[in-house]
Structures are given as C-alpha cells and as structure tokens.
Amino acid sequence: PADNGWRLRWGIGLFRTENSDDIINVASAVVPNFGFFQNAGTTLRQGIGAKVDLSWNRWTTYANYTFVDATYQSAIQTNDPVTGSVVNVLPGSHIPVIPAHRFKAGAEYQITDAWKLGADLNVIGSQYLLRDDSNIYPKVPAYVVVNLHTSYQVTKNVQIFGLVQN
C-alpha cells in the first residue's frame, strides 16, 4: 500500500475458447420439460474482462465487467423448447443462458477488526432462454440483483457470516 493508505489494483484480460464436439442440452420432443444431451459441433466463446479494486483505511470497493460473445460455429438441429418441432441452429447463433454483459460492483466496510459489513450490485445482461439455441424467442431482459453481507471473525478459525440476497 502507498503511504496514504490507498491501494489500487486493476486487471484486464482477453479470452477466446473454441470447443470442438461441444455438448448441449436439447428439449425433448416427446416428454415436456425434459431433455437429452446432443453434440453441438464447434462453439466459440470470446470476450474481455476488466476489474478494479480500491482499498483505503477500513473500506474496500471493487468493480468487474465481462463481455462474452458465445456462439455456435456449426450448423446443428435441435428441438424447439415450446413446440417440440425440429429447428435449425445456424453458425453465429448465440448460445443460450450466456449473457453478453455482466457487471458487478461492491463495497465492504470493516466496522471493527473482527466485524465487516458490505453490499454488492450485480447487473446481468439480456440472454436467450435455456434450449432456445436457434434464438427464435425474445431474450430474457437484463436484470439487477443487490446483496448484503456481514461477517464476524470469532477466532482465527471460526467466522460467523450472514447473507441477504435479492
């Protein structure tokens, strides 16, 4: 830490992962709300992640952001999760349940040497529903979650904590 008690840390990273013979969960055309696993050919996940942490005195704050572009690179056929009919998934279709944008920020205050209190904010971007591999239905809208937490260090090896999740 610097002489003024402030400490700043940051990081940024790029990633690209291409999976061959990826496996996905496909809706059953026969039994509603059930599914099975199927080969999805090649998939691609690429993006960027950035983070910053700032500490001073009894305060700690942080923020993280991730962008993910997750797409199918192979043409495949799956079942429509609503009708059960066969649909074509084209290369470039987005993989469901992977939001493109995620942001998290939080702060924690050390009330005493043993007791901490904090909160965090999670912003999750819009995403396609599970099994909507062909991206034919509207995306689930973005949403925000706020959480509160506290902890008390009773001894070196014993900690009591509480969490309130939205």
Protein backbone atom coordinates (compact mmCIF):
# COMPACT_ATOMS: atom_id res chain seq x y z
CA PRO A 1 0.00 0.00 0.00
CA ALA A 2 1.00 3.58 -0.58
CA ASP A 3 1.89 5.90 2.31
CA ASN A 4 -1.59 7.48 2.21
CA GLY A 5 -3.26 4.12 2.94
CA TRP A 6 -4.73 3.74 -0.56
CA ARG A 7 -4.21 0.62 -2.65
CA LEU A 8 -5.40 0.34 -6.23
CA ARG A 9 -5.29 -2.89 -8.20
CA TRP A 10 -6.61 -3.48 -11.68
CA GLY A 11 -6.53 -6.03 -14.44
CA ILE A 12 -7.76 -6.65 -17.93
CA GLY A 13 -7.83 -9.83 -19.96
CA LEU A 14 -8.88 -11.12 -23.34
CA PHE A 15 -10.04 -14.67 -23.95
CA ARG A 16 -11.00 -16.88 -26.86
CA THR A 17 -12.01 -20.52 -26.50
CA GLU A 18 -13.08 -22.71 -29.38
CA ASN A 19 -14.58 -26.06 -28.38
CA SER A 20 -14.96 -28.91 -30.82
CA ASP A 21 -17.54 -31.61 -30.10
CA ASP A 22 -19.28 -29.41 -27.52
CA ILE A 23 -22.30 -30.97 -25.80
CA ILE A 24 -25.62 -29.17 -25.20
CA ASN A 25 -28.92 -29.99 -23.53
CA VAL A 26 -31.78 -30.30 -26.04
CA ALA A 27 -35.52 -30.19 -25.30
CA SER A 28 -37.33 -33.50 -25.67
CA ALA A 29 -39.91 -33.50 -28.47
CA VAL A 30 -41.83 -36.30 -26.70
CA VAL A 31 -41.74 -35.50 -22.95
CA PRO A 32 -42.46 -31.87 -21.97
CA ASN A 33 -39.91 -30.20 -19.64
CA PHE A 34 -37.35 -32.96 -20.21
CA GLY A 35 -34.30 -33.10 -22.41
CA PHE A 36 -31.26 -35.01 -23.51
CA PHE A 37 -27.66 -34.25 -24.44
CA GLN A 38 -26.50 -33.81 -28.01
CA ASN A 39 -23.26 -32.94 -29.78
CA ALA A 40 -23.23 -29.28 -30.84
CA GLY A 41 -20.20 -29.35 -33.09
CA THR A 42 -17.92 -26.35 -32.65
CA THR A 43 -18.70 -23.44 -30.31
CA LEU A 44 -16.81 -20.21 -29.69
CA ARG A 45 -16.61 -18.12 -26.53
CA GLN A 46 -14.59 -14.93 -26.74
CA GLY A 47 -14.50 -11.65 -24.91
CA ILE A 48 -12.88 -9.32 -22.44
CA GLY A 49 -12.84 -8.97 -18.68
CA ALA A 50 -11.77 -5.98 -16.62
CA LYS A 51 -11.57 -5.38 -12.87
CA VAL A 52 -10.54 -2.71 -10.42
CA ASP A 53 -10.17 -2.89 -6.61
CA LEU A 54 -9.61 0.07 -4.33
CA SER A 55 -8.81 -0.17 -0.61
CA TRP A 56 -8.29 2.61 1.88
CA ASN A 57 -8.49 2.68 5.66
CA ARG A 58 -11.40 0.35 6.54
CA TRP A 59 -13.06 0.48 3.09
CA THR A 60 -12.71 -1.94 0.18
CA THR A 61 -14.51 -1.38 -3.13
CA TYR A 62 -14.43 -3.25 -6.40
CA ALA A 63 -15.95 -3.38 -9.87
CA ASN A 64 -15.79 -6.11 -12.52
CA TYR A 65 -17.09 -6.16 -16.09
CA THR A 66 -17.15 -9.06 -18.55
CA PHE A 67 -18.21 -9.15 -22.18
CA VAL A 68 -18.74 -12.64 -23.68
CA ASP A 69 -19.64 -13.43 -27.28
CA ALA A 70 -20.72 -17.08 -27.16
CA THR A 71 -21.82 -18.54 -30.50
CA TYR A 72 -22.32 -21.79 -32.35
CA GLN A 73 -19.85 -22.26 -35.19
CA SER A 74 -21.50 -25.36 -36.64
CA ALA A 75 -24.97 -25.85 -38.09
CA ILE A 76 -26.99 -28.27 -35.95
CA GLN A 77 -30.59 -29.31 -35.45
CA THR A 78 -32.36 -29.18 -32.08
CA ASN A 79 -35.93 -29.27 -30.83
CA ASP A 80 -37.94 -26.12 -30.20
CA PRO A 81 -38.45 -25.94 -26.40
CA VAL A 82 -42.08 -24.81 -26.83
CA THR A 83 -43.45 -26.75 -29.80
CA GLY A 84 -41.04 -29.71 -29.83
CA SER A 85 -40.57 -29.32 -33.58
CA VAL A 86 -37.12 -29.57 -35.16
CA VAL A 87 -35.32 -26.23 -35.67
CA ASN A 88 -32.07 -25.39 -37.41
CA VAL A 89 -29.34 -23.66 -35.46
CA LEU A 90 -27.13 -21.67 -37.81
CA PRO A 91 -23.48 -20.77 -37.30
CA GLY A 92 -23.36 -17.43 -35.45
CA SER A 93 -26.42 -18.17 -33.30
CA HIS A 94 -25.83 -17.20 -29.68
CA ILE A 95 -25.53 -19.91 -27.05
CA PRO A 96 -28.44 -19.54 -24.60
CA VAL A 97 -28.06 -18.66 -20.92
CA ILE A 98 -24.79 -16.80 -21.51
CA PRO A 99 -25.40 -13.06 -21.23
CA ALA A 100 -23.10 -10.87 -23.28
CA HIS A 101 -22.67 -8.35 -20.45
CA ARG A 102 -22.06 -8.83 -16.73
CA PHE A 103 -21.17 -6.09 -14.27
CA LYS A 104 -20.57 -6.43 -10.54
CA ALA A 105 -19.65 -3.70 -8.05
CA GLY A 106 -19.45 -3.77 -4.31
CA ALA A 107 -18.12 -2.23 -1.14
CA GLU A 108 -17.23 -3.52 2.29
CA TYR A 109 -16.56 -1.62 5.50
CA GLN A 110 -14.57 -3.08 8.40
CA ILE A 111 -16.54 -1.82 11.41
CA THR A 112 -14.11 -3.37 13.89
CA ASP A 113 -11.09 -5.60 13.45
CA ALA A 114 -13.43 -8.62 13.57
CA TRP A 115 -16.68 -7.31 12.02
CA LYS A 116 -17.28 -6.45 8.33
CA LEU A 117 -20.39 -5.22 6.54
CA GLY A 118 -20.84 -4.96 2.78
CA ALA A 119 -23.08 -4.89 -0.25
CA ASP A 120 -22.78 -5.72 -3.92
CA LEU A 121 -24.68 -4.93 -7.09
CA ASN A 122 -24.92 -7.44 -9.97
CA VAL A 123 -26.14 -6.37 -13.40
CA ILE A 124 -26.77 -9.27 -15.78
CA GLY A 125 -27.41 -8.53 -19.45
CA SER A 126 -30.19 -9.98 -21.57
CA GLN A 127 -29.84 -13.58 -22.73
CA TYR A 128 -31.65 -16.31 -24.60
CA LEU A 129 -33.60 -18.85 -22.59
CA LEU A 130 -32.23 -22.34 -21.97
CA ARG A 131 -32.76 -24.55 -25.06
CA ASP A 132 -33.52 -21.60 -27.39
CA ASP A 133 -30.39 -22.45 -29.38
CA SER A 134 -31.85 -21.08 -32.64
CA ASN A 135 -32.54 -17.71 -30.95
CA ILE A 136 -36.15 -17.56 -32.18
CA TYR A 137 -37.72 -16.28 -28.94
CA PRO A 138 -37.19 -12.86 -27.35
CA LYS A 139 -34.31 -12.60 -24.93
CA VAL A 140 -34.87 -12.54 -21.19
CA PRO A 141 -34.44 -8.87 -20.21
CA ALA A 142 -31.42 -7.67 -18.27
CA TYR A 143 -31.82 -7.64 -14.50
CA VAL A 144 -30.19 -6.27 -11.35
CA VAL A 145 -29.57 -8.03 -8.03
CA VAL A 146 -28.46 -6.34 -4.81
CA ASN A 147 -26.97 -8.40 -1.97
CA LEU A 148 -25.94 -7.53 1.59
CA HIS A 149 -23.44 -9.45 3.67
CA THR A 150 -21.74 -9.31 7.04
CA SER A 151 -19.16 -11.40 8.85
CA TYR A 152 -17.68 -11.60 12.33
CA GLN A 153 -14.35 -13.33 12.99
CA VAL A 154 -14.92 -15.03 16.36
CA THR A 155 -11.48 -16.70 16.45
CA LYS A 156 -8.72 -17.32 13.93
CA ASN A 157 -10.57 -20.44 12.70
CA VAL A 158 -14.23 -19.54 13.39
CA GLN A 159 -16.26 -16.99 11.46
CA ILE A 160 -19.97 -16.18 11.59
CA PHE A 161 -21.49 -14.71 8.47
CA GLY A 162 -24.82 -13.57 7.15
CA LEU A 163 -26.09 -13.01 3.63
CA VAL A 164 -29.24 -11.34 2.33
CA GLN A 165 -29.78 -11.96 -1.37
CA ASN A 166 -32.27 -10.15 -3.54
